[in-house]
N, C-alpha and C. Protein backbone atom coordinates (compact mmCIF):
# COMPACT_ATOMS: atom_id res chain seq x y z
N MET A 1 -77.69 6.06 32.97
CA MET A 1 -76.54 5.65 32.19
C MET A 1 -76.64 4.16 31.88
N ASP A 2 -76.21 3.77 30.70
CA ASP A 2 -76.23 2.38 30.28
C ASP A 2 -75.23 1.57 31.09
N GLU A 3 -75.64 0.34 31.42
CA GLU A 3 -74.75 -0.54 32.16
C GLU A 3 -73.91 -1.35 31.18
N LEU A 4 -72.63 -1.26 31.34
CA LEU A 4 -71.67 -1.99 30.52
C LEU A 4 -71.10 -3.12 31.35
N ARG A 5 -71.16 -4.35 30.80
CA ARG A 5 -70.57 -5.50 31.49
C ARG A 5 -69.63 -6.19 30.53
N ILE A 6 -68.47 -6.58 31.04
CA ILE A 6 -67.43 -7.23 30.24
C ILE A 6 -67.23 -8.64 30.78
N TYR A 7 -67.27 -9.62 29.87
CA TYR A 7 -67.10 -11.02 30.26
C TYR A 7 -65.96 -11.65 29.47
N PHE A 8 -65.26 -12.55 30.12
CA PHE A 8 -64.23 -13.37 29.48
C PHE A 8 -64.73 -14.80 29.59
N SER A 9 -64.94 -15.49 28.46
CA SER A 9 -65.58 -16.81 28.52
C SER A 9 -64.71 -17.85 29.21
N ASP A 10 -63.42 -17.68 29.18
CA ASP A 10 -62.54 -18.58 29.93
C ASP A 10 -61.69 -17.70 30.84
N ASP A 11 -62.14 -17.58 32.06
CA ASP A 11 -61.58 -16.59 32.98
C ASP A 11 -60.66 -17.25 34.01
N THR A 12 -59.52 -17.76 33.54
CA THR A 12 -58.56 -18.38 34.45
C THR A 12 -57.22 -17.66 34.33
N GLU A 13 -56.38 -17.83 35.33
CA GLU A 13 -55.05 -17.22 35.28
C GLU A 13 -54.23 -17.79 34.14
N LEU A 14 -54.37 -19.09 33.87
CA LEU A 14 -53.62 -19.71 32.78
C LEU A 14 -54.01 -19.11 31.43
N ILE A 15 -55.30 -18.95 31.19
CA ILE A 15 -55.75 -18.37 29.93
C ILE A 15 -55.26 -16.93 29.79
N GLU A 16 -55.30 -16.19 30.88
CA GLU A 16 -54.81 -14.81 30.80
C GLU A 16 -53.31 -14.79 30.49
N TYR A 17 -52.56 -15.63 31.14
CA TYR A 17 -51.11 -15.71 30.87
C TYR A 17 -50.86 -16.06 29.40
N GLU A 18 -51.59 -17.06 28.89
CA GLU A 18 -51.42 -17.44 27.48
C GLU A 18 -51.81 -16.31 26.54
N ALA A 19 -52.88 -15.60 26.87
CA ALA A 19 -53.32 -14.49 26.03
C ALA A 19 -52.26 -13.39 25.99
N ILE A 20 -51.65 -13.11 27.12
CA ILE A 20 -50.60 -12.08 27.16
C ILE A 20 -49.40 -12.52 26.32
N MET A 21 -49.04 -13.79 26.42
CA MET A 21 -47.90 -14.31 25.65
C MET A 21 -48.20 -14.34 24.14
N LYS A 22 -49.42 -14.67 23.78
CA LYS A 22 -49.80 -14.77 22.36
C LYS A 22 -50.11 -13.40 21.74
N GLY A 23 -50.53 -12.46 22.56
CA GLY A 23 -50.85 -11.13 22.05
C GLY A 23 -52.23 -11.00 21.46
N TYR A 24 -53.11 -11.95 21.76
CA TYR A 24 -54.49 -11.79 21.32
C TYR A 24 -55.43 -12.54 22.26
N ARG A 25 -56.68 -12.12 22.22
CA ARG A 25 -57.71 -12.77 23.03
C ARG A 25 -59.03 -12.62 22.30
N GLU A 26 -59.72 -13.73 22.09
CA GLU A 26 -60.97 -13.70 21.33
C GLU A 26 -62.15 -14.24 22.13
N ASP A 27 -62.02 -14.29 23.44
CA ASP A 27 -63.12 -14.77 24.28
C ASP A 27 -63.71 -13.62 25.11
N VAL A 28 -63.71 -12.43 24.53
CA VAL A 28 -64.17 -11.24 25.24
C VAL A 28 -65.54 -10.85 24.69
N TYR A 29 -66.49 -10.69 25.61
CA TYR A 29 -67.85 -10.29 25.25
C TYR A 29 -68.22 -9.06 26.06
N VAL A 30 -68.92 -8.14 25.40
CA VAL A 30 -69.40 -6.93 26.06
C VAL A 30 -70.92 -6.95 25.99
N TYR A 31 -71.55 -6.77 27.15
CA TYR A 31 -73.01 -6.70 27.22
C TYR A 31 -73.38 -5.25 27.51
N LEU A 32 -74.23 -4.70 26.67
CA LEU A 32 -74.65 -3.31 26.80
C LEU A 32 -76.10 -3.20 26.38
N LYS A 33 -76.92 -2.72 27.28
CA LYS A 33 -78.37 -2.68 27.05
C LYS A 33 -78.82 -4.10 26.75
N GLU A 34 -79.34 -4.32 25.56
CA GLU A 34 -79.78 -5.66 25.18
C GLU A 34 -78.89 -6.23 24.08
N ASN A 35 -77.73 -5.67 23.89
CA ASN A 35 -76.82 -6.13 22.85
C ASN A 35 -75.60 -6.80 23.45
N VAL A 36 -75.10 -7.79 22.73
CA VAL A 36 -73.86 -8.46 23.09
C VAL A 36 -72.89 -8.24 21.94
N TYR A 37 -71.66 -7.90 22.28
CA TYR A 37 -70.62 -7.67 21.28
C TYR A 37 -69.47 -8.64 21.53
N LYS A 38 -69.11 -9.40 20.53
CA LYS A 38 -67.94 -10.28 20.63
C LYS A 38 -66.75 -9.47 20.13
N MET A 39 -65.73 -9.37 20.97
CA MET A 39 -64.58 -8.54 20.65
C MET A 39 -63.37 -9.40 20.30
N SER A 40 -62.60 -8.93 19.34
CA SER A 40 -61.29 -9.51 19.03
C SER A 40 -60.26 -8.51 19.53
N VAL A 41 -59.41 -8.96 20.44
CA VAL A 41 -58.46 -8.05 21.08
C VAL A 41 -57.04 -8.50 20.75
N TYR A 42 -56.27 -7.59 20.17
CA TYR A 42 -54.91 -7.88 19.72
C TYR A 42 -53.95 -6.80 20.19
N THR A 43 -52.68 -7.19 20.28
CA THR A 43 -51.62 -6.20 20.40
C THR A 43 -51.18 -5.85 18.98
N LEU A 44 -50.55 -4.72 18.82
CA LEU A 44 -50.09 -4.30 17.50
C LEU A 44 -49.06 -5.28 16.93
N ILE A 45 -48.20 -5.79 17.79
CA ILE A 45 -47.18 -6.75 17.33
C ILE A 45 -47.84 -8.00 16.77
N ARG A 46 -48.82 -8.55 17.48
CA ARG A 46 -49.50 -9.76 17.00
C ARG A 46 -50.28 -9.50 15.72
N LEU A 47 -50.93 -8.35 15.63
CA LEU A 47 -51.66 -8.00 14.42
C LEU A 47 -50.70 -7.91 13.23
N GLN A 48 -49.54 -7.32 13.43
CA GLN A 48 -48.54 -7.22 12.37
C GLN A 48 -48.07 -8.61 11.93
N GLN A 49 -47.86 -9.52 12.89
CA GLN A 49 -47.45 -10.88 12.57
C GLN A 49 -48.52 -11.59 11.75
N ASP A 50 -49.76 -11.50 12.17
CA ASP A 50 -50.86 -12.12 11.44
C ASP A 50 -51.01 -11.51 10.06
N PHE A 51 -50.88 -10.20 9.97
CA PHE A 51 -50.96 -9.51 8.68
C PHE A 51 -49.89 -10.02 7.73
N ASP A 52 -48.65 -10.07 8.19
CA ASP A 52 -47.54 -10.52 7.34
C ASP A 52 -47.75 -11.96 6.87
N THR A 53 -48.18 -12.83 7.78
CA THR A 53 -48.41 -14.23 7.43
C THR A 53 -49.52 -14.37 6.39
N GLU A 54 -50.64 -13.73 6.64
CA GLU A 54 -51.78 -13.82 5.71
C GLU A 54 -51.45 -13.19 4.36
N LEU A 55 -50.67 -12.14 4.37
CA LEU A 55 -50.27 -11.51 3.11
C LEU A 55 -49.43 -12.46 2.28
N GLN A 56 -48.52 -13.19 2.91
CA GLN A 56 -47.70 -14.17 2.21
C GLN A 56 -48.53 -15.34 1.70
N VAL A 57 -49.44 -15.82 2.53
CA VAL A 57 -50.23 -17.00 2.18
C VAL A 57 -51.35 -16.67 1.20
N SER A 58 -52.12 -15.63 1.48
CA SER A 58 -53.32 -15.34 0.71
C SER A 58 -53.20 -14.13 -0.20
N GLY A 59 -52.26 -13.26 0.09
CA GLY A 59 -52.14 -12.03 -0.71
C GLY A 59 -52.97 -10.88 -0.18
N TYR A 60 -53.69 -11.11 0.92
CA TYR A 60 -54.49 -10.05 1.54
C TYR A 60 -54.70 -10.39 3.01
N TYR A 61 -55.21 -9.41 3.74
CA TYR A 61 -55.55 -9.63 5.15
C TYR A 61 -56.94 -9.06 5.40
N SER A 62 -57.79 -9.85 5.99
CA SER A 62 -59.14 -9.42 6.34
C SER A 62 -59.20 -9.17 7.84
N VAL A 63 -59.61 -8.00 8.23
CA VAL A 63 -59.66 -7.60 9.64
C VAL A 63 -60.84 -8.28 10.33
N GLU A 64 -60.59 -8.76 11.55
CA GLU A 64 -61.64 -9.36 12.36
C GLU A 64 -62.68 -8.30 12.73
N PRO A 65 -63.96 -8.70 12.80
CA PRO A 65 -64.98 -7.74 13.26
C PRO A 65 -64.72 -7.33 14.71
N ASN A 66 -65.05 -6.11 15.02
CA ASN A 66 -64.93 -5.57 16.38
C ASN A 66 -63.52 -5.73 16.94
N LEU A 67 -62.55 -5.50 16.10
CA LEU A 67 -61.14 -5.60 16.49
C LEU A 67 -60.73 -4.36 17.27
N ILE A 68 -60.11 -4.58 18.43
CA ILE A 68 -59.51 -3.47 19.17
C ILE A 68 -58.06 -3.82 19.46
N LEU A 69 -57.24 -2.79 19.47
CA LEU A 69 -55.82 -2.95 19.77
C LEU A 69 -55.53 -2.45 21.17
N VAL A 70 -54.74 -3.21 21.89
CA VAL A 70 -54.35 -2.85 23.25
C VAL A 70 -52.84 -2.99 23.38
N LYS A 71 -52.27 -2.37 24.41
CA LYS A 71 -50.82 -2.52 24.58
C LYS A 71 -50.45 -3.86 25.18
N GLU A 72 -51.41 -4.51 25.88
CA GLU A 72 -51.21 -5.84 26.45
C GLU A 72 -52.57 -6.51 26.56
N THR A 73 -52.63 -7.81 26.31
CA THR A 73 -53.91 -8.51 26.33
C THR A 73 -54.24 -9.07 27.72
N SER A 74 -53.96 -8.30 28.74
CA SER A 74 -54.36 -8.66 30.11
C SER A 74 -55.81 -8.21 30.31
N LYS A 75 -56.49 -8.86 31.26
CA LYS A 75 -57.87 -8.47 31.56
C LYS A 75 -57.94 -7.01 31.98
N PHE A 76 -56.96 -6.57 32.76
CA PHE A 76 -56.96 -5.18 33.22
C PHE A 76 -56.92 -4.22 32.03
N GLU A 77 -56.00 -4.46 31.12
CA GLU A 77 -55.84 -3.55 29.97
C GLU A 77 -57.04 -3.62 29.03
N ILE A 78 -57.57 -4.81 28.82
CA ILE A 78 -58.75 -4.96 27.95
C ILE A 78 -59.94 -4.23 28.56
N THR A 79 -60.16 -4.42 29.84
CA THR A 79 -61.28 -3.77 30.52
C THR A 79 -61.13 -2.25 30.50
N ARG A 80 -59.94 -1.78 30.75
CA ARG A 80 -59.68 -0.33 30.72
C ARG A 80 -59.97 0.24 29.34
N THR A 81 -59.51 -0.45 28.31
CA THR A 81 -59.69 0.01 26.93
C THR A 81 -61.16 0.01 26.55
N ILE A 82 -61.87 -1.07 26.87
CA ILE A 82 -63.30 -1.15 26.53
C ILE A 82 -64.09 -0.06 27.24
N ASN A 83 -63.77 0.22 28.49
CA ASN A 83 -64.46 1.31 29.20
C ASN A 83 -64.20 2.66 28.54
N LYS A 84 -62.99 2.90 28.08
CA LYS A 84 -62.69 4.15 27.36
C LYS A 84 -63.46 4.22 26.05
N LEU A 85 -63.49 3.10 25.32
CA LEU A 85 -64.23 3.06 24.06
C LEU A 85 -65.72 3.32 24.29
N PHE A 86 -66.25 2.75 25.35
CA PHE A 86 -67.66 2.97 25.70
C PHE A 86 -67.93 4.46 25.93
N SER A 87 -67.05 5.10 26.68
CA SER A 87 -67.26 6.53 26.99
C SER A 87 -67.16 7.40 25.74
N GLN A 88 -66.52 6.88 24.69
CA GLN A 88 -66.39 7.62 23.42
C GLN A 88 -67.49 7.26 22.41
N GLY A 89 -68.44 6.40 22.81
CA GLY A 89 -69.55 6.04 21.92
C GLY A 89 -69.23 4.96 20.90
N TYR A 90 -68.15 4.23 21.10
CA TYR A 90 -67.72 3.20 20.15
C TYR A 90 -68.80 2.16 19.88
N PHE A 91 -69.50 1.71 20.90
CA PHE A 91 -70.46 0.63 20.74
C PHE A 91 -71.73 1.06 20.02
N GLN A 92 -71.93 2.34 19.82
CA GLN A 92 -73.04 2.82 19.01
C GLN A 92 -72.74 2.67 17.53
N ARG A 93 -71.46 2.45 17.20
CA ARG A 93 -71.04 2.39 15.79
C ARG A 93 -70.76 0.98 15.29
N ILE A 94 -70.84 -0.02 16.16
CA ILE A 94 -70.56 -1.38 15.73
C ILE A 94 -71.79 -2.25 15.92
N LYS A 95 -71.77 -3.41 15.29
CA LYS A 95 -72.92 -4.30 15.32
C LYS A 95 -72.74 -5.37 16.39
N GLY A 96 -73.79 -5.59 17.14
CA GLY A 96 -73.78 -6.63 18.17
C GLY A 96 -74.26 -7.96 17.62
N ILE A 97 -74.22 -8.96 18.48
CA ILE A 97 -74.72 -10.29 18.15
C ILE A 97 -76.19 -10.32 18.53
N ASN A 98 -77.06 -10.71 17.63
CA ASN A 98 -78.49 -10.74 17.90
C ASN A 98 -78.93 -12.04 18.55
N ASN A 99 -79.97 -11.97 19.35
CA ASN A 99 -80.63 -13.14 19.93
C ASN A 99 -79.65 -14.13 20.54
N ILE A 100 -78.87 -13.68 21.45
CA ILE A 100 -77.88 -14.55 22.07
C ILE A 100 -78.13 -14.62 23.57
N ASP A 101 -78.02 -15.78 24.12
CA ASP A 101 -78.11 -15.95 25.56
C ASP A 101 -76.69 -16.03 26.10
N LEU A 102 -76.22 -14.94 26.64
CA LEU A 102 -74.85 -14.84 27.10
C LEU A 102 -74.53 -15.88 28.17
N SER A 103 -75.49 -16.22 29.00
CA SER A 103 -75.23 -17.18 30.07
C SER A 103 -74.92 -18.57 29.52
N GLN A 104 -75.37 -18.88 28.32
CA GLN A 104 -75.07 -20.18 27.71
C GLN A 104 -73.66 -20.23 27.16
N MET A 105 -73.08 -19.10 26.85
CA MET A 105 -71.76 -19.05 26.23
C MET A 105 -70.63 -18.95 27.23
N ILE A 106 -70.90 -18.32 28.36
CA ILE A 106 -69.81 -18.07 29.32
C ILE A 106 -70.28 -18.36 30.73
N LYS A 107 -69.35 -18.48 31.60
CA LYS A 107 -69.66 -18.67 33.01
C LYS A 107 -69.87 -17.30 33.66
N ILE A 108 -71.10 -16.98 33.96
CA ILE A 108 -71.38 -15.70 34.62
C ILE A 108 -71.20 -15.88 36.11
N GLN A 109 -70.40 -15.02 36.67
CA GLN A 109 -70.06 -15.15 38.09
C GLN A 109 -70.86 -14.18 38.92
């Protein structure tokens, strides 16, 4: 079985608290086989707010690559969701980041 590893580039309690309050988190990376995936994680409420704002300002909304929706942007919920997506083959359908040294981007513990 493929090994799935999930990393948060800024893994502190303060950042998690802020992410939960803001409803999004963009420092999530998934390592699978030899691929790295940068994930954009949003709650539906935050996505709706961003959509409405961009629609007013630009007239359109462009979806972030590798966007996933969660009920809360806590590490627990993000990890649970990513594991479910993995079991459903989600990462076979999206594009990873090529030639990246994950250890240079985040603190690997």
